[in-house]
N, C-alpha and C. Protein backbone atom coordinates (compact mmCIF):
# COMPACT_ATOMS: atom_id res chain seq x y z
N UNK A 1 -45.20 101.63 126.07
CA UNK A 1 -45.16 102.10 124.82
C UNK A 1 -43.62 103.06 124.72
N UNK A 2 -43.12 103.07 123.72
CA UNK A 2 -42.10 103.65 123.47
C UNK A 2 -42.33 105.17 122.94
N UNK A 3 -41.58 106.03 123.48
CA UNK A 3 -41.81 107.50 123.29
C UNK A 3 -40.92 107.78 121.77
N UNK A 4 -41.73 108.47 120.74
CA UNK A 4 -41.36 108.94 119.62
C UNK A 4 -40.71 110.07 119.67
N UNK A 5 -39.56 110.18 119.47
CA UNK A 5 -38.63 111.38 119.15
C UNK A 5 -38.39 111.82 117.87
N UNK A 6 -38.23 113.01 117.63
CA UNK A 6 -38.05 113.57 116.18
C UNK A 6 -36.97 114.65 116.38
N UNK A 7 -36.49 114.93 115.52
CA UNK A 7 -35.28 116.13 115.44
C UNK A 7 -35.71 117.59 114.96
N UNK A 8 -35.80 118.54 115.80
CA UNK A 8 -36.05 119.63 115.59
C UNK A 8 -35.67 120.24 114.19
N UNK A 9 -34.51 119.89 113.74
CA UNK A 9 -34.19 120.41 112.46
C UNK A 9 -35.01 120.00 111.31
N UNK A 10 -35.80 118.78 111.37
CA UNK A 10 -36.54 118.34 110.55
C UNK A 10 -38.39 118.75 110.68
N UNK A 11 -38.50 119.58 111.86
CA UNK A 11 -39.83 119.99 111.63
C UNK A 11 -40.12 121.14 110.77
N UNK A 12 -41.39 121.45 110.37
CA UNK A 12 -41.87 122.43 109.54
C UNK A 12 -42.42 123.66 110.43
N UNK A 13 -42.65 124.51 109.88
CA UNK A 13 -43.34 125.99 110.53
C UNK A 13 -44.78 125.26 111.30
N UNK A 14 -44.89 125.63 112.59
CA UNK A 14 -45.97 125.38 113.35
C UNK A 14 -45.73 124.35 114.17
N UNK A 15 -44.50 123.37 114.04
CA UNK A 15 -44.37 122.37 114.93
C UNK A 15 -44.08 122.84 116.46
N UNK A 16 -44.57 122.19 117.29
CA UNK A 16 -44.72 122.44 118.51
C UNK A 16 -44.18 121.08 119.45
N UNK A 17 -43.27 121.37 120.55
CA UNK A 17 -42.94 120.00 121.27
C UNK A 17 -42.18 120.47 122.33
N UNK A 18 -41.45 119.47 123.24
CA UNK A 18 -40.50 119.74 124.32
C UNK A 18 -39.49 118.91 123.88
N UNK A 19 -38.10 119.78 124.47
CA UNK A 19 -36.97 118.91 123.98
C UNK A 19 -36.93 117.84 125.03
N UNK A 20 -36.42 116.67 124.44
CA UNK A 20 -36.14 115.59 125.27
C UNK A 20 -34.79 114.98 125.30
N UNK A 21 -33.73 115.38 124.58
CA UNK A 21 -32.40 115.48 124.40
C UNK A 21 -31.52 116.32 123.57
N UNK A 22 -30.25 116.57 123.75
CA UNK A 22 -29.54 116.98 122.95
C UNK A 22 -28.17 116.46 122.36
N UNK A 23 -28.13 115.94 121.39
CA UNK A 23 -27.09 114.89 120.62
C UNK A 23 -26.77 115.80 119.31
N UNK A 24 -26.02 116.72 119.56
CA UNK A 24 -25.31 117.52 118.38
C UNK A 24 -24.30 116.43 117.46
N UNK A 25 -24.74 116.51 116.42
CA UNK A 25 -24.02 115.63 115.19
C UNK A 25 -22.60 116.59 114.91
N UNK A 26 -21.78 115.59 114.18
CA UNK A 26 -20.54 116.70 113.58
C UNK A 26 -21.21 117.37 112.18
N UNK A 27 -20.75 118.48 112.31
CA UNK A 27 -21.39 119.44 111.25
C UNK A 27 -20.54 120.01 110.36
N UNK A 28 -19.09 119.70 110.77
CA UNK A 28 -18.00 120.41 109.98
C UNK A 28 -17.66 121.51 110.38
N UNK A 29 -18.34 122.39 111.06
CA UNK A 29 -17.84 123.71 111.58
C UNK A 29 -17.20 123.37 112.98
N UNK A 30 -17.93 122.62 113.94
CA UNK A 30 -17.49 122.54 115.08
C UNK A 30 -17.74 121.18 115.69
N UNK A 31 -16.73 120.58 116.41
CA UNK A 31 -16.88 119.25 116.98
C UNK A 31 -18.24 119.13 117.78
N UNK A 32 -18.86 117.65 117.76
CA UNK A 32 -20.01 117.54 118.38
C UNK A 32 -20.27 118.11 119.96
N UNK A 33 -19.09 117.96 120.77
CA UNK A 33 -19.08 118.49 122.20
C UNK A 33 -19.41 120.09 122.11
N UNK A 34 -18.72 120.64 121.37
CA UNK A 34 -18.70 122.21 121.38
C UNK A 34 -20.30 122.75 120.89
N UNK A 35 -20.78 122.08 119.69
CA UNK A 35 -22.04 122.52 119.51
C UNK A 35 -23.16 121.93 120.21
N UNK A 36 -23.24 120.82 121.06
CA UNK A 36 -23.82 120.61 122.08
C UNK A 36 -23.78 121.83 123.27
N UNK A 37 -22.66 122.01 123.37
CA UNK A 37 -22.27 123.11 124.77
C UNK A 37 -23.23 124.40 124.37
N UNK A 38 -22.95 124.84 123.04
CA UNK A 38 -23.51 125.88 122.58
C UNK A 38 -25.16 125.90 122.49
N UNK A 39 -25.62 124.66 122.27
CA UNK A 39 -27.37 124.76 122.09
C UNK A 39 -27.84 124.61 123.72
N UNK A 40 -26.95 123.94 124.56
CA UNK A 40 -27.58 124.01 125.93
C UNK A 40 -27.34 125.31 126.50
N UNK A 41 -26.32 126.08 126.11
CA UNK A 41 -26.18 127.20 126.60
C UNK A 41 -27.33 128.59 126.16
N UNK A 42 -27.90 128.10 124.81
CA UNK A 42 -28.62 128.70 123.96
C UNK A 42 -30.23 128.68 124.77
N UNK A 43 -30.25 127.30 125.62
CA UNK A 43 -31.50 127.22 126.25
C UNK A 43 -32.33 125.77 125.69
N UNK A 44 -31.62 125.08 124.98
CA UNK A 44 -32.34 123.77 124.43
C UNK A 44 -31.91 122.99 125.49
N UNK A 45 -32.58 122.68 126.59
CA UNK A 45 -32.58 121.64 127.81
C UNK A 45 -33.66 120.85 127.90
N UNK A 46 -33.59 119.87 128.54
CA UNK A 46 -34.63 118.80 128.65
C UNK A 46 -35.75 119.45 129.04
N UNK A 47 -37.12 119.32 128.61
CA UNK A 47 -38.21 119.91 129.22
C UNK A 47 -38.50 121.37 128.75
N UNK A 48 -37.53 122.18 127.95
CA UNK A 48 -38.11 123.41 127.51
C UNK A 48 -39.08 122.99 126.16
N UNK A 49 -40.07 123.97 126.27
CA UNK A 49 -40.94 123.65 124.93
C UNK A 49 -40.50 124.72 123.80
N UNK A 50 -40.63 124.18 122.60
CA UNK A 50 -40.17 124.76 121.32
C UNK A 50 -41.23 124.82 120.44
N UNK A 51 -41.13 125.69 119.55
CA UNK A 51 -42.23 125.56 118.53
C UNK A 51 -41.45 126.79 117.20
N UNK A 52 -41.55 125.91 116.08
CA UNK A 52 -41.21 126.75 115.07
C UNK A 52 -41.84 127.81 114.27
N UNK A 53 -41.36 129.17 114.46
CA UNK A 53 -42.08 129.87 114.00
C UNK A 53 -42.11 130.42 112.54
N UNK A 54 -40.46 130.33 112.02
CA UNK A 54 -40.71 130.76 110.77
C UNK A 54 -39.64 130.15 110.11
N UNK A 55 -39.57 130.23 108.67
CA UNK A 55 -38.55 129.32 107.99
C UNK A 55 -38.04 130.35 106.98
N UNK A 56 -36.70 130.24 106.68
CA UNK A 56 -35.94 131.13 105.86
C UNK A 56 -36.75 130.85 104.12
N UNK A 57 -36.30 131.77 103.57
CA UNK A 57 -36.94 131.77 102.14
C UNK A 57 -36.46 130.78 101.36
N UNK A 58 -35.16 130.40 101.17
CA UNK A 58 -34.46 129.48 100.47
C UNK A 58 -34.03 128.13 101.19
N UNK A 59 -34.91 127.10 101.00
CA UNK A 59 -34.51 125.78 101.47
C UNK A 59 -35.24 125.57 102.84
N UNK A 60 -35.94 126.73 103.18
CA UNK A 60 -36.53 126.91 104.65
C UNK A 60 -35.63 126.77 105.74
N UNK A 61 -34.30 127.44 105.33
CA UNK A 61 -33.17 127.54 106.45
C UNK A 61 -32.92 128.97 106.38
N UNK A 62 -32.17 129.41 107.61
CA UNK A 62 -32.51 129.13 108.86
C UNK A 62 -34.00 128.76 109.35
N UNK A 63 -34.01 128.58 110.78
CA UNK A 63 -35.37 128.78 111.19
C UNK A 63 -35.30 129.74 112.51
N UNK A 64 -36.43 130.05 112.90
CA UNK A 64 -36.66 131.03 113.91
C UNK A 64 -37.56 130.00 115.02
N UNK A 65 -36.98 129.68 116.06
CA UNK A 65 -37.97 128.86 117.18
C UNK A 65 -37.98 129.84 118.37
N UNK A 66 -39.19 129.61 118.91
CA UNK A 66 -39.62 130.08 120.08
C UNK A 66 -39.26 128.99 121.31
N UNK A 67 -38.34 129.44 122.09
CA UNK A 67 -37.77 128.61 123.11
C UNK A 67 -38.04 129.12 124.44
N UNK A 68 -39.25 128.27 124.98
CA UNK A 68 -40.10 128.96 126.33
C UNK A 68 -40.40 130.30 125.91
N UNK A 69 -39.54 131.53 126.75
CA UNK A 69 -40.20 132.75 126.57
C UNK A 69 -38.97 133.82 125.78
N UNK A 70 -38.05 132.85 124.98
CA UNK A 70 -37.71 133.74 124.18
C UNK A 70 -37.61 133.25 122.65
N UNK A 71 -36.79 133.83 121.55
CA UNK A 71 -36.88 133.65 120.37
C UNK A 71 -35.38 133.13 119.77
N UNK A 72 -35.11 132.28 119.19
CA UNK A 72 -33.87 132.02 118.63
C UNK A 72 -33.84 131.30 117.27
N UNK A 73 -32.75 131.84 116.59
CA UNK A 73 -32.55 131.62 114.91
C UNK A 73 -31.49 130.49 115.02
N UNK A 74 -31.57 129.42 114.36
CA UNK A 74 -30.56 128.82 114.10
C UNK A 74 -30.62 128.03 112.79
N UNK A 75 -29.61 127.20 112.20
CA UNK A 75 -29.46 126.69 110.84
C UNK A 75 -30.18 125.24 111.35
N UNK A 76 -30.95 124.85 110.21
CA UNK A 76 -31.41 123.33 110.53
C UNK A 76 -30.40 122.28 110.84
N UNK A 77 -29.20 122.36 110.40
CA UNK A 77 -28.25 121.37 110.70
C UNK A 77 -27.85 121.15 112.07
N UNK A 78 -27.96 122.53 112.59
CA UNK A 78 -27.42 122.30 114.04
C UNK A 78 -28.95 122.04 114.88
N UNK A 79 -30.06 122.43 114.31
CA UNK A 79 -31.45 122.11 115.06
C UNK A 79 -31.54 120.74 115.26
N UNK A 80 -30.85 119.89 114.02
CA UNK A 80 -31.06 118.50 114.09
C UNK A 80 -30.64 117.76 115.28
N UNK A 81 -29.59 118.26 116.11
CA UNK A 81 -28.97 117.68 117.37
C UNK A 81 -30.07 117.99 118.27
N UNK A 82 -31.03 118.73 118.33
CA UNK A 82 -32.21 118.59 119.31
C UNK A 82 -33.33 117.61 119.24
N UNK A 83 -33.28 116.95 119.96
CA UNK A 83 -34.26 115.74 119.70
C UNK A 83 -35.89 116.31 120.74
N UNK A 84 -36.78 116.03 120.22
CA UNK A 84 -38.01 116.72 120.79
C UNK A 84 -39.17 115.67 120.76
N UNK A 85 -40.12 115.59 121.68
CA UNK A 85 -41.14 114.91 121.76
C UNK A 85 -42.37 115.95 121.15
N UNK A 86 -42.98 115.62 120.31
CA UNK A 86 -44.00 116.45 119.72
C UNK A 86 -45.17 116.61 120.67
N UNK A 87 -45.91 117.77 120.53
CA UNK A 87 -47.18 118.21 121.58
C UNK A 87 -48.29 118.10 120.50
N UNK A 88 -49.24 117.60 120.93
CA UNK A 88 -50.63 117.77 120.15
C UNK A 88 -51.40 119.17 120.68
N UNK A 89 -52.30 119.51 119.95
CA UNK A 89 -52.71 120.97 120.37
C UNK A 89 -53.56 121.05 121.88
N UNK A 90 -54.11 119.72 122.13
CA UNK A 90 -54.57 119.46 123.49
C UNK A 90 -53.85 119.64 124.39
N UNK A 91 -52.35 119.18 124.37
CA UNK A 91 -51.14 119.30 125.19
C UNK A 91 -50.93 120.53 125.32
N UNK A 92 -50.57 121.39 124.34
CA UNK A 92 -50.22 122.81 124.32
C UNK A 92 -51.16 123.84 125.16
N UNK A 93 -52.43 123.34 125.21
CA UNK A 93 -53.20 124.28 125.98
C UNK A 93 -53.24 123.91 127.36
N UNK A 94 -52.78 123.01 127.80
CA UNK A 94 -52.74 122.46 129.44
C UNK A 94 -51.60 123.37 130.06
């Protein structure tokens, strides 16, 4: 069975998952390699647990993410470079 991945930037409040890959798209501000480096430095590494805690008032942007044991805020367009495997409520308890 193929693993289903989704973009963190497409998630909604309450979404939980595990980072599977970082593939930053070109967003106009930075080259993809630089954006990917910044995401990795923030802690968006393979296996890190993520949960979307809050969404901005207008357009649900930016988002506040619980990343393992810290909190990070980022724009959705940047978060779209973080591919995650969603977790069910049962998996989160383990």
